[in-house]
Amino acid sequence: MTRVDQVQFQAANSKAESADARSRALKDAREKAEQVAVEAGMKLGGPIGIEELDYYGAPIRYAEAVPGQNRIGASLRVTWVVER
């Protein structure tokens, strides 16, 4: 009997890709926060707290694993200052 458990794939440049994903997540968070602030009649200030959350993509079935197709993402929780 042959058994394989917990196969993990890791991108060769995962540090750079992870840094890029964090940058994009922060940019996205700012855009969303600015939209909400404007709609509430407020002005968005700077961030006062940034927390990186664990990011786990959906499991990939072995038959679906294709080189170059892994997803790298980032999830941030950002708290902003808002002014009237």
C-alpha atoms as a PDB file:
ATOM      1  CA  MET A   1       0.000   0.000   0.000  1.00  0.00           C
ATOM      2  CA  THR A   2       1.278   3.470  -0.875  1.00  0.00           C
ATOM      3  CA  ARG A   3       0.035   6.482   1.042  1.00  0.00           C
ATOM      4  CA  VAL A   4       0.817  10.170   0.621  1.00  0.00           C
ATOM      5  CA  ASP A   5      -0.236  12.680   3.298  1.00  0.00           C
ATOM      6  CA  GLN A   6      -0.077  16.467   3.446  1.00  0.00           C
ATOM      7  CA  VAL A   7       1.422  17.409   0.137  1.00  0.00           C
ATOM      8  CA  GLN A   8       2.318  21.098   0.121  1.00  0.00           C
ATOM      9  CA  PHE A   9       3.211  23.308  -2.796  1.00  0.00           C
ATOM     10  CA  GLN A  10       5.263  26.451  -2.364  1.00  0.00           C
ATOM     11  CA  ALA A  11       6.122  29.043  -4.969  1.00  0.00           C
ATOM     12  CA  ALA A  12       9.815  29.646  -5.573  1.00  0.00           C
ATOM     13  CA  ASN A  13       9.365  33.393  -5.094  1.00  0.00           C
ATOM     14  CA  SER A  14       6.721  33.236  -2.354  1.00  0.00           C
ATOM     15  CA  LYS A  15       8.291  35.985  -0.185  1.00  0.00           C
ATOM     16  CA  ALA A  16       8.130  38.533  -3.000  1.00  0.00           C
ATOM     17  CA  GLU A  17       4.650  37.384  -4.007  1.00  0.00           C
ATOM     18  CA  SER A  18       3.445  37.565  -0.384  1.00  0.00           C
ATOM     19  CA  ALA A  19       4.843  41.105  -0.023  1.00  0.00           C
ATOM     20  CA  ASP A  20       3.055  42.120  -3.222  1.00  0.00           C
ATOM     21  CA  ALA A  21      -0.190  40.563  -1.981  1.00  0.00           C
ATOM     22  CA  ARG A  22       0.063  42.544   1.281  1.00  0.00           C
ATOM     23  CA  SER A  23       0.641  45.775  -0.642  1.00  0.00           C
ATOM     24  CA  ARG A  24      -2.386  45.107  -2.827  1.00  0.00           C
ATOM     25  CA  ALA A  25      -4.490  44.215   0.239  1.00  0.00           C
ATOM     26  CA  LEU A  26      -3.578  47.507   1.940  1.00  0.00           C
ATOM     27  CA  LYS A  27      -4.354  49.497  -1.211  1.00  0.00           C
ATOM     28  CA  ASP A  28      -7.705  47.730  -1.524  1.00  0.00           C
ATOM     29  CA  ALA A  29      -8.483  48.383   2.155  1.00  0.00           C
ATOM     30  CA  ARG A  30      -7.729  52.100   1.725  1.00  0.00           C
ATOM     31  CA  GLU A  31      -9.950  52.370  -1.372  1.00  0.00           C
ATOM     32  CA  LYS A  32     -12.863  50.693   0.401  1.00  0.00           C
ATOM     33  CA  ALA A  33     -12.416  52.781   3.562  1.00  0.00           C
ATOM     34  CA  GLU A  34     -12.261  56.025   1.544  1.00  0.00           C
ATOM     35  CA  GLN A  35     -15.491  55.114  -0.245  1.00  0.00           C
ATOM     36  CA  VAL A  36     -17.295  54.444   3.039  1.00  0.00           C
ATOM     37  CA  ALA A  37     -15.908  57.601   4.672  1.00  0.00           C
ATOM     38  CA  VAL A  38     -16.985  59.800   1.741  1.00  0.00           C
ATOM     39  CA  GLU A  39     -20.462  58.273   1.706  1.00  0.00           C
ATOM     40  CA  ALA A  40     -20.727  58.967   5.453  1.00  0.00           C
ATOM     41  CA  GLY A  41     -19.649  62.592   4.951  1.00  0.00           C
ATOM     42  CA  MET A  42     -16.283  62.067   6.619  1.00  0.00           C
ATOM     43  CA  LYS A  43     -12.626  62.270   5.646  1.00  0.00           C
ATOM     44  CA  LEU A  44     -10.340  59.259   5.930  1.00  0.00           C
ATOM     45  CA  GLY A  45      -7.183  59.757   7.961  1.00  0.00           C
ATOM     46  CA  GLY A  46      -4.237  57.412   8.340  1.00  0.00           C
ATOM     47  CA  PRO A  47      -4.255  53.865   9.667  1.00  0.00           C
ATOM     48  CA  ILE A  48      -3.948  53.454  13.440  1.00  0.00           C
ATOM     49  CA  GLY A  49      -3.798  49.665  13.411  1.00  0.00           C
ATOM     50  CA  ILE A  50      -2.863  47.013  10.887  1.00  0.00           C
ATOM     51  CA  GLU A  51      -3.158  43.312  11.597  1.00  0.00           C
ATOM     52  CA  GLU A  52      -2.205  40.581   9.165  1.00  0.00           C
ATOM     53  CA  LEU A  53      -4.582  37.636   9.298  1.00  0.00           C
ATOM     54  CA  ASP A  54      -3.691  34.091   8.391  1.00  0.00           C
ATOM     55  CA  TYR A  55      -4.528  33.412   4.783  1.00  0.00           C
ATOM     56  CA  TYR A  56      -5.408  29.929   3.688  1.00  0.00           C
ATOM     57  CA  GLY A  57      -6.566  29.401   0.151  1.00  0.00           C
ATOM     58  CA  ALA A  58      -9.028  26.703  -0.690  1.00  0.00           C
ATOM     59  CA  PRO A  59      -7.472  23.244  -0.746  1.00  0.00           C
ATOM     60  CA  ILE A  60      -6.369  22.050  -4.162  1.00  0.00           C
ATOM     61  CA  ARG A  61      -7.182  18.477  -5.068  1.00  0.00           C
ATOM     62  CA  TYR A  62      -4.128  16.606  -6.289  1.00  0.00           C
ATOM     63  CA  ALA A  63      -5.626  16.163  -9.756  1.00  0.00           C
ATOM     64  CA  GLU A  64      -6.047  19.963 -10.020  1.00  0.00           C
ATOM     65  CA  ALA A  65      -2.536  20.957  -8.924  1.00  0.00           C
ATOM     66  CA  VAL A  66      -0.757  22.562 -11.856  1.00  0.00           C
ATOM     67  CA  PRO A  67       2.663  24.248 -11.725  1.00  0.00           C
ATOM     68  CA  GLY A  68       2.285  28.010 -11.937  1.00  0.00           C
ATOM     69  CA  GLN A  69      -1.313  27.927 -10.731  1.00  0.00           C
ATOM     70  CA  ASN A  70      -0.929  28.297  -6.967  1.00  0.00           C
ATOM     71  CA  ARG A  71      -2.612  31.290  -5.325  1.00  0.00           C
ATOM     72  CA  ILE A  72      -0.840  33.599  -2.940  1.00  0.00           C
ATOM     73  CA  GLY A  73      -2.933  36.103  -1.034  1.00  0.00           C
ATOM     74  CA  ALA A  74      -2.999  38.338   2.000  1.00  0.00           C
ATOM     75  CA  SER A  75      -5.708  39.402   4.379  1.00  0.00           C
ATOM     76  CA  LEU A  76      -5.371  42.530   6.513  1.00  0.00           C
ATOM     77  CA  ARG A  77      -7.551  44.124   9.180  1.00  0.00           C
ATOM     78  CA  VAL A  78      -6.949  47.870   9.113  1.00  0.00           C
ATOM     79  CA  THR A  79      -8.343  50.451  11.556  1.00  0.00           C
ATOM     80  CA  TRP A  80      -8.483  53.995  10.236  1.00  0.00           C
ATOM     81  CA  VAL A  81      -8.871  57.463  11.699  1.00  0.00           C
ATOM     82  CA  VAL A  82     -11.908  59.284  10.327  1.00  0.00           C
ATOM     83  CA  GLU A  83     -12.553  62.996  10.631  1.00  0.00           C
ATOM     84  CA  ARG A  84     -15.726  65.013  10.186  1.00  0.00           C
END
